[in-house]
Amino acid sequence: MTSPLPDLAPSPVGLLAIGELLIDAISTQFVADLSEATTLRVVAGGSPANLCRFVRGDGGAATLVAAGALRACATPVFPDA
């Protein structure tokens, strides 16, 4: 039996995530209540961005196409390391 799906060439993009780019603010120290945090680390966030970050962190290819309120969106969110 043949597959109803066409054979597709591998994509150099890998995962293509489309969605909203948000900001995750993460406390740099363990605190019982977030109001006790004195320092926050700000990173790109939102489900599509987090998915791309984890795929790339595991050695995969991922590209994010997103809308967001950050001026920094014009620069790569996940620069090649």
N, C-alpha and C. Protein backbone atom coordinates (compact mmCIF):
# COMPACT_ATOMS: atom_id res chain seq x y z
N MET A 1 0.84 -1.18 0.00
CA MET A 1 0.00 0.00 0.00
C MET A 1 0.89 1.25 0.00
N THR A 2 0.57 2.20 -0.83
CA THR A 2 1.37 3.43 -0.91
C THR A 2 0.78 4.49 -0.01
N SER A 3 1.66 5.38 0.44
CA SER A 3 1.23 6.46 1.31
C SER A 3 0.53 7.55 0.49
N PRO A 4 -0.56 8.13 1.02
CA PRO A 4 -1.22 9.22 0.30
C PRO A 4 -0.44 10.54 0.37
N LEU A 5 0.60 10.57 1.20
CA LEU A 5 1.40 11.79 1.34
C LEU A 5 2.56 11.77 0.36
N PRO A 6 2.89 12.91 -0.24
CA PRO A 6 4.02 12.95 -1.17
C PRO A 6 5.33 12.82 -0.42
N ASP A 7 6.34 12.29 -1.12
CA ASP A 7 7.69 12.26 -0.55
C ASP A 7 8.24 13.67 -0.56
N LEU A 8 8.69 14.16 0.57
CA LEU A 8 9.22 15.51 0.67
C LEU A 8 10.70 15.45 0.99
N ALA A 9 11.46 16.34 0.37
CA ALA A 9 12.89 16.43 0.66
C ALA A 9 13.06 16.99 2.06
N PRO A 10 14.12 16.58 2.78
CA PRO A 10 14.36 17.14 4.11
C PRO A 10 14.50 18.66 4.02
N SER A 11 13.95 19.33 4.99
CA SER A 11 13.99 20.79 5.03
C SER A 11 15.20 21.28 5.80
N PRO A 12 15.94 22.27 5.26
CA PRO A 12 17.07 22.83 6.03
C PRO A 12 16.57 23.64 7.23
N VAL A 13 15.29 23.99 7.23
CA VAL A 13 14.71 24.75 8.33
C VAL A 13 14.47 23.85 9.53
N GLY A 14 14.18 22.57 9.31
CA GLY A 14 13.81 21.67 10.41
C GLY A 14 12.42 22.03 10.89
N LEU A 15 12.30 22.33 12.15
CA LEU A 15 11.03 22.75 12.74
C LEU A 15 10.78 24.21 12.40
N LEU A 16 9.59 24.52 11.91
CA LEU A 16 9.19 25.91 11.68
C LEU A 16 8.03 26.20 12.62
N ALA A 17 8.27 27.04 13.62
CA ALA A 17 7.24 27.41 14.59
C ALA A 17 6.75 28.82 14.28
N ILE A 18 5.45 28.99 14.23
CA ILE A 18 4.85 30.29 13.94
C ILE A 18 3.98 30.68 15.12
N GLY A 19 4.20 31.87 15.66
CA GLY A 19 3.39 32.28 16.80
C GLY A 19 3.86 33.59 17.40
N GLU A 20 3.45 33.81 18.61
CA GLU A 20 3.72 35.05 19.32
C GLU A 20 5.00 34.91 20.14
N LEU A 21 5.82 35.96 20.13
CA LEU A 21 7.03 36.00 20.94
C LEU A 21 6.74 36.80 22.19
N LEU A 22 6.93 36.19 23.34
CA LEU A 22 6.71 36.84 24.63
C LEU A 22 8.02 36.95 25.37
N ILE A 23 7.97 37.44 26.58
CA ILE A 23 9.15 37.54 27.44
C ILE A 23 8.91 36.69 28.69
N ASP A 24 9.90 35.84 29.02
CA ASP A 24 9.88 35.12 30.28
C ASP A 24 10.86 35.81 31.22
N ALA A 25 10.40 36.19 32.39
CA ALA A 25 11.25 36.78 33.42
C ALA A 25 11.42 35.73 34.52
N ILE A 26 12.65 35.25 34.69
CA ILE A 26 12.93 34.14 35.59
C ILE A 26 13.80 34.63 36.73
N SER A 27 13.41 34.33 37.97
CA SER A 27 14.21 34.70 39.13
C SER A 27 15.55 33.98 39.08
N THR A 28 16.63 34.71 39.38
CA THR A 28 17.96 34.10 39.37
C THR A 28 18.29 33.38 40.67
N GLN A 29 17.44 33.53 41.68
CA GLN A 29 17.64 32.82 42.94
C GLN A 29 16.32 32.15 43.37
N PHE A 30 16.43 31.11 44.17
CA PHE A 30 15.23 30.44 44.66
C PHE A 30 14.59 31.30 45.73
N VAL A 31 13.30 31.58 45.58
CA VAL A 31 12.56 32.35 46.57
C VAL A 31 11.22 31.66 46.81
N ALA A 32 10.68 31.84 48.01
CA ALA A 32 9.39 31.24 48.34
C ALA A 32 8.25 31.96 47.63
N ASP A 33 8.42 33.25 47.40
CA ASP A 33 7.38 34.05 46.75
C ASP A 33 8.06 34.95 45.72
N LEU A 34 7.50 35.07 44.54
CA LEU A 34 8.13 35.86 43.48
C LEU A 34 8.36 37.31 43.89
N SER A 35 7.54 37.83 44.81
CA SER A 35 7.72 39.21 45.27
C SER A 35 9.05 39.39 46.03
N GLU A 36 9.68 38.28 46.45
CA GLU A 36 10.96 38.34 47.15
C GLU A 36 12.15 38.36 46.20
N ALA A 37 11.91 38.13 44.92
CA ALA A 37 13.01 38.09 43.94
C ALA A 37 13.62 39.48 43.78
N THR A 38 14.95 39.52 43.75
CA THR A 38 15.64 40.80 43.58
C THR A 38 16.24 40.94 42.19
N THR A 39 16.44 39.82 41.49
CA THR A 39 17.02 39.84 40.15
C THR A 39 16.27 38.88 39.25
N LEU A 40 15.91 39.37 38.08
CA LEU A 40 15.22 38.54 37.09
C LEU A 40 16.06 38.45 35.83
N ARG A 41 16.09 37.29 35.23
CA ARG A 41 16.75 37.09 33.93
C ARG A 41 15.65 37.11 32.88
N VAL A 42 15.77 37.94 31.86
CA VAL A 42 14.75 38.08 30.83
C VAL A 42 15.21 37.32 29.59
N VAL A 43 14.37 36.40 29.12
CA VAL A 43 14.67 35.61 27.93
C VAL A 43 13.44 35.57 27.03
N ALA A 44 13.69 35.30 25.76
CA ALA A 44 12.57 35.13 24.83
C ALA A 44 11.72 33.96 25.30
N GLY A 45 10.41 34.11 25.23
CA GLY A 45 9.53 33.06 25.71
C GLY A 45 8.28 32.94 24.87
N GLY A 46 7.31 32.25 25.42
CA GLY A 46 6.10 31.89 24.70
C GLY A 46 6.28 30.48 24.16
N SER A 47 5.21 29.76 23.97
CA SER A 47 5.30 28.36 23.55
C SER A 47 6.14 28.14 22.29
N PRO A 48 5.92 28.89 21.19
CA PRO A 48 6.74 28.64 20.00
C PRO A 48 8.23 28.88 20.23
N ALA A 49 8.55 29.96 20.95
CA ALA A 49 9.96 30.26 21.23
C ALA A 49 10.58 29.20 22.13
N ASN A 50 9.86 28.78 23.15
CA ASN A 50 10.38 27.75 24.05
C ASN A 50 10.61 26.44 23.29
N LEU A 51 9.68 26.07 22.41
CA LEU A 51 9.84 24.85 21.63
C LEU A 51 11.10 24.94 20.77
N CYS A 52 11.31 26.06 20.09
CA CYS A 52 12.51 26.23 19.27
C CYS A 52 13.77 26.18 20.12
N ARG A 53 13.75 26.81 21.28
CA ARG A 53 14.91 26.81 22.15
C ARG A 53 15.29 25.38 22.56
N PHE A 54 14.29 24.57 22.92
CA PHE A 54 14.58 23.20 23.35
C PHE A 54 15.02 22.32 22.19
N VAL A 55 14.42 22.48 21.00
CA VAL A 55 14.84 21.70 19.83
C VAL A 55 16.28 22.04 19.48
N ARG A 56 16.61 23.34 19.44
CA ARG A 56 17.98 23.75 19.11
C ARG A 56 18.97 23.34 20.19
N GLY A 57 18.53 23.39 21.44
CA GLY A 57 19.41 22.98 22.54
C GLY A 57 19.74 21.50 22.48
N ASP A 58 18.87 20.72 21.82
CA ASP A 58 19.09 19.27 21.67
C ASP A 58 19.77 18.95 20.35
N GLY A 59 20.25 19.99 19.65
CA GLY A 59 21.00 19.77 18.42
C GLY A 59 20.16 19.79 17.15
N GLY A 60 18.87 20.05 17.26
CA GLY A 60 18.00 20.08 16.09
C GLY A 60 17.99 21.45 15.43
N ALA A 61 17.32 21.51 14.28
CA ALA A 61 17.16 22.77 13.56
C ALA A 61 15.76 23.30 13.83
N ALA A 62 15.66 24.58 14.16
CA ALA A 62 14.36 25.19 14.43
C ALA A 62 14.41 26.66 14.06
N THR A 63 13.33 27.13 13.46
CA THR A 63 13.21 28.53 13.07
C THR A 63 11.90 29.06 13.62
N LEU A 64 11.95 30.26 14.18
CA LEU A 64 10.76 30.89 14.74
C LEU A 64 10.35 32.08 13.89
N VAL A 65 9.11 32.09 13.46
CA VAL A 65 8.51 33.24 12.78
C VAL A 65 7.48 33.77 13.76
N ALA A 66 7.70 35.00 14.26
CA ALA A 66 6.86 35.48 15.36
C ALA A 66 6.61 36.97 15.28
N ALA A 67 5.52 37.36 15.89
CA ALA A 67 5.23 38.76 16.10
C ALA A 67 5.41 39.03 17.59
N GLY A 68 5.90 40.20 17.91
CA GLY A 68 6.09 40.52 19.31
C GLY A 68 6.31 42.01 19.47
N ALA A 69 6.35 42.44 20.71
CA ALA A 69 6.49 43.86 21.01
C ALA A 69 7.94 44.26 21.27
N LEU A 70 8.87 43.34 21.08
CA LEU A 70 10.27 43.65 21.35
C LEU A 70 10.96 44.25 20.14
N ARG A 71 11.74 45.30 20.34
CA ARG A 71 12.55 45.82 19.24
C ARG A 71 13.61 44.81 18.86
N ALA A 72 14.03 44.01 19.80
CA ALA A 72 15.08 43.02 19.57
C ALA A 72 14.63 41.91 18.62
N CYS A 73 13.35 41.88 18.26
CA CYS A 73 12.87 40.83 17.36
C CYS A 73 13.51 40.92 15.99
N ALA A 74 14.10 42.06 15.65
CA ALA A 74 14.75 42.20 14.36
C ALA A 74 16.07 41.46 14.32
N THR A 75 16.58 41.05 15.48
CA THR A 75 17.82 40.29 15.55
C THR A 75 17.50 38.85 15.91
N PRO A 76 18.40 37.91 15.56
CA PRO A 76 18.12 36.51 15.88
C PRO A 76 17.90 36.30 17.38
N VAL A 77 16.83 35.61 17.72
CA VAL A 77 16.55 35.31 19.12
C VAL A 77 17.42 34.15 19.59
N PHE A 78 17.72 33.24 18.67
CA PHE A 78 18.53 32.06 18.99
C PHE A 78 19.78 32.07 18.12
N PRO A 79 20.76 32.93 18.43
CA PRO A 79 21.96 32.98 17.58
C PRO A 79 22.71 31.65 17.63
N ASP A 80 23.36 31.31 16.53
CA ASP A 80 24.14 30.07 16.51
C ASP A 80 25.26 30.15 17.53
N ALA A 81 25.38 29.09 18.31
CA ALA A 81 26.41 29.07 19.36
C ALA A 81 27.65 28.37 18.86
